[in-house]
Amino acid sequence: MCWSEYVRLVPEFQFLDRDNVREVVKSFRTIHEHKIFPTNGMFPEWTDDIPVNVRNQIIKHSLNSIDPLTFDEVAKTHQIGAKAKRAIANIMPLLLFSIQLPILAPEHMDEWLSIADYIADVVEAGQSWHSFIESQTSPREIIRFYREMLTILNGGKQTTG
């Protein structure tokens, strides 16, 4: 119930449905695998209503190559990643739902599993966005640790991430 209330109160979550977040996580993984980083170490954030031609010019001049992604994929990834970072600024909710609550209340494991899987995706999107704009390495290994811990605590039942 507290998680539902948190989601209700944080406006960024209206843009963070599961499918959107999973798509963005996949794009960020591609960005990090192909080392698509800002050429000058800076990538500006923009408003959702930026004209497409201006947005594409920013992407074109800020990144050497975006292949295999499209301008729309990079733009969506950048915008949703920033919202994910604002929605969940640090790893604490993932720690709570993937390790602490499953230990404290294992009878609710199905609920924790679903919430933790979603939180892991949102945290990965947000942390990947931060790594992207800072031209840093992917935070995927850190997120993988929490996914693996949840799998262990759930008797081997894996999450989708």
C-alpha atoms as a PDB file:
ATOM      1  CA  MET A   1       0.000   0.000   0.000  1.00  0.00           C
ATOM      2  CA  CYS A   2       2.819   2.458   0.797  1.00  0.00           C
ATOM      3  CA  TRP A   3       4.338   1.801  -2.642  1.00  0.00           C
ATOM      4  CA  SER A   4       1.033   2.573  -4.380  1.00  0.00           C
ATOM      5  CA  GLU A   5       0.752   5.803  -2.431  1.00  0.00           C
ATOM      6  CA  TYR A   6       4.327   6.778  -3.314  1.00  0.00           C
ATOM      7  CA  VAL A   7       3.627   6.171  -7.010  1.00  0.00           C
ATOM      8  CA  ARG A   8       0.415   8.187  -6.769  1.00  0.00           C
ATOM      9  CA  LEU A   9       2.205  11.156  -5.181  1.00  0.00           C
ATOM     10  CA  VAL A  10       5.232  11.319  -7.515  1.00  0.00           C
ATOM     11  CA  PRO A  11       4.135  12.910 -10.822  1.00  0.00           C
ATOM     12  CA  GLU A  12       6.930  11.333 -12.908  1.00  0.00           C
ATOM     13  CA  PHE A  13       5.347   7.915 -12.489  1.00  0.00           C
ATOM     14  CA  GLN A  14       2.594   8.855 -14.946  1.00  0.00           C
ATOM     15  CA  PHE A  15       5.273   8.482 -17.661  1.00  0.00           C
ATOM     16  CA  LEU A  16       6.850   5.340 -16.206  1.00  0.00           C
ATOM     17  CA  ASP A  17       4.541   2.492 -17.129  1.00  0.00           C
ATOM     18  CA  ARG A  18       6.234  -0.915 -17.218  1.00  0.00           C
ATOM     19  CA  ASP A  19       6.444  -1.177 -21.004  1.00  0.00           C
ATOM     20  CA  ASN A  20       7.911   2.324 -21.379  1.00  0.00           C
ATOM     21  CA  VAL A  21      10.491   1.680 -18.691  1.00  0.00           C
ATOM     22  CA  ARG A  22      11.507  -1.713 -20.091  1.00  0.00           C
ATOM     23  CA  GLU A  23      11.919  -0.205 -23.549  1.00  0.00           C
ATOM     24  CA  VAL A  24      14.095   2.570 -22.110  1.00  0.00           C
ATOM     25  CA  VAL A  25      16.206   0.097 -20.122  1.00  0.00           C
ATOM     26  CA  LYS A  26      16.814  -1.850 -23.331  1.00  0.00           C
ATOM     27  CA  SER A  27      17.832   1.356 -25.144  1.00  0.00           C
ATOM     28  CA  PHE A  28      20.168   2.385 -22.324  1.00  0.00           C
ATOM     29  CA  ARG A  29      21.808  -1.025 -22.451  1.00  0.00           C
ATOM     30  CA  THR A  30      22.380  -0.452 -26.174  1.00  0.00           C
ATOM     31  CA  ILE A  31      23.739   3.044 -25.484  1.00  0.00           C
ATOM     32  CA  HIS A  32      26.232   1.700 -22.961  1.00  0.00           C
ATOM     33  CA  GLU A  33      27.202  -1.326 -25.091  1.00  0.00           C
ATOM     34  CA  HIS A  34      27.864   0.909 -28.120  1.00  0.00           C
ATOM     35  CA  LYS A  35      29.441   3.656 -26.006  1.00  0.00           C
ATOM     36  CA  ILE A  36      27.059   6.321 -27.279  1.00  0.00           C
ATOM     37  CA  PHE A  37      28.056   9.194 -25.020  1.00  0.00           C
ATOM     38  CA  PRO A  38      28.004  12.981 -25.323  1.00  0.00           C
ATOM     39  CA  THR A  39      31.060  14.197 -27.242  1.00  0.00           C
ATOM     40  CA  ASN A  40      31.722  17.145 -24.937  1.00  0.00           C
ATOM     41  CA  GLY A  41      30.675  15.345 -21.777  1.00  0.00           C
ATOM     42  CA  MET A  42      27.393  17.272 -21.720  1.00  0.00           C
ATOM     43  CA  PHE A  43      23.937  16.374 -22.873  1.00  0.00           C
ATOM     44  CA  PRO A  44      21.191  18.906 -22.167  1.00  0.00           C
ATOM     45  CA  GLU A  45      17.839  18.010 -20.699  1.00  0.00           C
ATOM     46  CA  TRP A  46      14.827  19.411 -22.526  1.00  0.00           C
ATOM     47  CA  THR A  47      11.125  19.839 -22.003  1.00  0.00           C
ATOM     48  CA  ASP A  48       8.650  17.343 -23.405  1.00  0.00           C
ATOM     49  CA  ASP A  49       7.295  19.902 -25.881  1.00  0.00           C
ATOM     50  CA  ILE A  50      10.609  20.632 -27.627  1.00  0.00           C
ATOM     51  CA  PRO A  51      10.203  20.767 -31.424  1.00  0.00           C
ATOM     52  CA  VAL A  52      11.383  17.529 -33.029  1.00  0.00           C
ATOM     53  CA  ASN A  53      13.798  19.269 -35.401  1.00  0.00           C
ATOM     54  CA  VAL A  54      15.469  21.128 -32.502  1.00  0.00           C
ATOM     55  CA  ARG A  55      15.624  17.939 -30.440  1.00  0.00           C
ATOM     56  CA  ASN A  56      17.200  16.039 -33.345  1.00  0.00           C
ATOM     57  CA  GLN A  57      19.772  18.806 -33.873  1.00  0.00           C
ATOM     58  CA  ILE A  58      20.746  18.639 -30.200  1.00  0.00           C
ATOM     59  CA  ILE A  59      21.146  14.869 -30.444  1.00  0.00           C
ATOM     60  CA  LYS A  60      23.093  15.139 -33.712  1.00  0.00           C
ATOM     61  CA  HIS A  61      25.515  17.737 -32.344  1.00  0.00           C
ATOM     62  CA  SER A  62      25.872  16.169 -28.893  1.00  0.00           C
ATOM     63  CA  LEU A  63      26.550  12.586 -29.948  1.00  0.00           C
ATOM     64  CA  ASN A  64      28.974  11.308 -32.577  1.00  0.00           C
ATOM     65  CA  SER A  65      26.798   8.401 -33.621  1.00  0.00           C
ATOM     66  CA  ILE A  66      23.555   6.961 -32.328  1.00  0.00           C
ATOM     67  CA  ASP A  67      23.648   3.798 -34.425  1.00  0.00           C
ATOM     68  CA  PRO A  68      21.821   1.367 -33.977  1.00  0.00           C
ATOM     69  CA  LEU A  69      19.238   3.640 -32.308  1.00  0.00           C
ATOM     70  CA  THR A  70      17.003   6.246 -33.941  1.00  0.00           C
ATOM     71  CA  PHE A  71      16.598   9.903 -32.952  1.00  0.00           C
ATOM     72  CA  ASP A  72      13.182   9.068 -31.479  1.00  0.00           C
ATOM     73  CA  GLU A  73      14.627   6.214 -29.387  1.00  0.00           C
ATOM     74  CA  VAL A  74      17.456   8.380 -28.049  1.00  0.00           C
ATOM     75  CA  ALA A  75      15.046  11.210 -27.262  1.00  0.00           C
ATOM     76  CA  LYS A  76      12.554   8.931 -25.498  1.00  0.00           C
ATOM     77  CA  THR A  77      15.336   7.227 -23.575  1.00  0.00           C
ATOM     78  CA  HIS A  78      16.759  10.561 -22.463  1.00  0.00           C
ATOM     79  CA  GLN A  79      13.387  11.973 -21.391  1.00  0.00           C
ATOM     80  CA  ILE A  80      12.090   8.861 -19.620  1.00  0.00           C
ATOM     81  CA  GLY A  81      15.495   8.244 -18.002  1.00  0.00           C
ATOM     82  CA  ALA A  82      15.464  11.739 -16.482  1.00  0.00           C
ATOM     83  CA  LYS A  83      11.954  11.157 -15.140  1.00  0.00           C
ATOM     84  CA  ALA A  84      13.002   7.777 -13.709  1.00  0.00           C
ATOM     85  CA  LYS A  85      15.952   9.416 -11.939  1.00  0.00           C
ATOM     86  CA  ARG A  86      13.653  12.043 -10.415  1.00  0.00           C
ATOM     87  CA  ALA A  87      11.072   9.405  -9.435  1.00  0.00           C
ATOM     88  CA  ILE A  88      13.586   7.150  -7.655  1.00  0.00           C
ATOM     89  CA  ALA A  89      16.749   9.080  -6.910  1.00  0.00           C
ATOM     90  CA  ASN A  90      18.662   6.298  -5.172  1.00  0.00           C
ATOM     91  CA  ILE A  91      18.851   2.553  -4.635  1.00  0.00           C
ATOM     92  CA  MET A  92      16.957   2.450  -1.310  1.00  0.00           C
ATOM     93  CA  PRO A  93      13.508   1.439  -2.646  1.00  0.00           C
ATOM     94  CA  LEU A  94      15.152  -1.398  -4.575  1.00  0.00           C
ATOM     95  CA  LEU A  95      17.005  -2.531  -1.449  1.00  0.00           C
ATOM     96  CA  LEU A  96      13.754  -2.441   0.516  1.00  0.00           C
ATOM     97  CA  PHE A  97      11.644  -4.441  -1.957  1.00  0.00           C
ATOM     98  CA  SER A  98      14.273  -6.868  -3.229  1.00  0.00           C
ATOM     99  CA  ILE A  99      16.041  -7.810   0.005  1.00  0.00           C
ATOM    100  CA  GLN A 100      14.592  -6.369   3.198  1.00  0.00           C
ATOM    101  CA  LEU A 101      10.849  -6.980   2.737  1.00  0.00           C
ATOM    102  CA  PRO A 102      11.298 -10.509   1.314  1.00  0.00           C
ATOM    103  CA  ILE A 103      13.284 -11.381   4.462  1.00  0.00           C
ATOM    104  CA  LEU A 104      10.835  -9.677   6.823  1.00  0.00           C
ATOM    105  CA  ALA A 105       7.602 -10.842   5.166  1.00  0.00           C
ATOM    106  CA  PRO A 106       8.272 -13.793   2.848  1.00  0.00           C
ATOM    107  CA  GLU A 107       4.557 -14.650   2.770  1.00  0.00           C
ATOM    108  CA  HIS A 108       4.109 -11.602   0.480  1.00  0.00           C
ATOM    109  CA  MET A 109       6.887 -12.666  -1.912  1.00  0.00           C
ATOM    110  CA  ASP A 110       4.697 -12.499  -5.029  1.00  0.00           C
ATOM    111  CA  GLU A 111       3.864  -8.872  -4.238  1.00  0.00           C
ATOM    112  CA  TRP A 112       7.508  -7.993  -3.467  1.00  0.00           C
ATOM    113  CA  LEU A 113       8.661  -9.765  -6.628  1.00  0.00           C
ATOM    114  CA  SER A 114       6.382  -7.738  -8.876  1.00  0.00           C
ATOM    115  CA  ILE A 115       7.163  -4.403  -7.227  1.00  0.00           C
ATOM    116  CA  ALA A 116      10.911  -5.063  -6.976  1.00  0.00           C
ATOM    117  CA  ASP A 117      11.085  -6.047 -10.652  1.00  0.00           C
ATOM    118  CA  TYR A 118       9.438  -2.768 -11.650  1.00  0.00           C
ATOM    119  CA  ILE A 119      11.578  -0.739  -9.237  1.00  0.00           C
ATOM    120  CA  ALA A 120      14.724  -2.411 -10.602  1.00  0.00           C
ATOM    121  CA  ASP A 121      13.754  -1.287 -14.105  1.00  0.00           C
ATOM    122  CA  VAL A 122      12.989   2.278 -12.977  1.00  0.00           C
ATOM    123  CA  VAL A 123      16.237   2.496 -10.985  1.00  0.00           C
ATOM    124  CA  GLU A 124      18.225   1.064 -13.899  1.00  0.00           C
ATOM    125  CA  ALA A 125      16.622   3.593 -16.270  1.00  0.00           C
ATOM    126  CA  GLY A 126      17.325   6.494 -13.898  1.00  0.00           C
ATOM    127  CA  GLN A 127      20.855   5.464 -13.009  1.00  0.00           C
ATOM    128  CA  SER A 128      21.626   4.666 -16.661  1.00  0.00           C
ATOM    129  CA  TRP A 129      20.399   8.127 -17.639  1.00  0.00           C
ATOM    130  CA  HIS A 130      22.696   9.685 -15.050  1.00  0.00           C
ATOM    131  CA  SER A 131      25.604   7.549 -16.271  1.00  0.00           C
ATOM    132  CA  PHE A 132      24.801   8.519 -19.865  1.00  0.00           C
ATOM    133  CA  ILE A 133      24.816  12.269 -19.287  1.00  0.00           C
ATOM    134  CA  GLU A 134      27.998  11.933 -17.212  1.00  0.00           C
ATOM    135  CA  SER A 135      29.645   9.602 -19.794  1.00  0.00           C
ATOM    136  CA  GLN A 136      30.129   6.961 -17.098  1.00  0.00           C
ATOM    137  CA  THR A 137      29.881   3.181 -17.177  1.00  0.00           C
ATOM    138  CA  SER A 138      26.552   1.404 -16.947  1.00  0.00           C
ATOM    139  CA  PRO A 139      25.062   0.757 -13.490  1.00  0.00           C
ATOM    140  CA  ARG A 140      23.653  -2.556 -14.771  1.00  0.00           C
ATOM    141  CA  GLU A 141      25.869  -4.735 -12.556  1.00  0.00           C
ATOM    142  CA  ILE A 142      24.630  -3.014  -9.410  1.00  0.00           C
ATOM    143  CA  ILE A 143      21.006  -3.528 -10.442  1.00  0.00           C
ATOM    144  CA  ARG A 144      21.772  -7.137 -11.390  1.00  0.00           C
ATOM    145  CA  PHE A 145      22.965  -7.779  -7.825  1.00  0.00           C
ATOM    146  CA  TYR A 146      19.559  -6.778  -6.425  1.00  0.00           C
ATOM    147  CA  ARG A 147      17.737  -8.852  -9.042  1.00  0.00           C
ATOM    148  CA  GLU A 148      19.885 -11.867  -8.124  1.00  0.00           C
ATOM    149  CA  MET A 149      19.271 -11.369  -4.409  1.00  0.00           C
ATOM    150  CA  LEU A 150      15.531 -11.291  -5.026  1.00  0.00           C
ATOM    151  CA  THR A 151      15.809 -14.486  -7.067  1.00  0.00           C
ATOM    152  CA  ILE A 152      17.727 -16.203  -4.257  1.00  0.00           C
ATOM    153  CA  LEU A 153      15.252 -15.068  -1.615  1.00  0.00           C
ATOM    154  CA  ASN A 154      12.402 -16.233  -3.835  1.00  0.00           C
ATOM    155  CA  GLY A 155      13.770 -19.758  -4.053  1.00  0.00           C
ATOM    156  CA  GLY A 156      15.165 -19.359  -7.559  1.00  0.00           C
ATOM    157  CA  LYS A 157      12.135 -17.766  -9.268  1.00  0.00           C
ATOM    158  CA  GLN A 158      13.657 -15.119 -11.543  1.00  0.00           C
ATOM    159  CA  THR A 159      12.469 -11.625 -12.340  1.00  0.00           C
ATOM    160  CA  THR A 160      12.070 -10.546 -15.962  1.00  0.00           C
ATOM    161  CA  GLY A 161      14.990  -8.036 -15.969  1.00  0.00           C
END
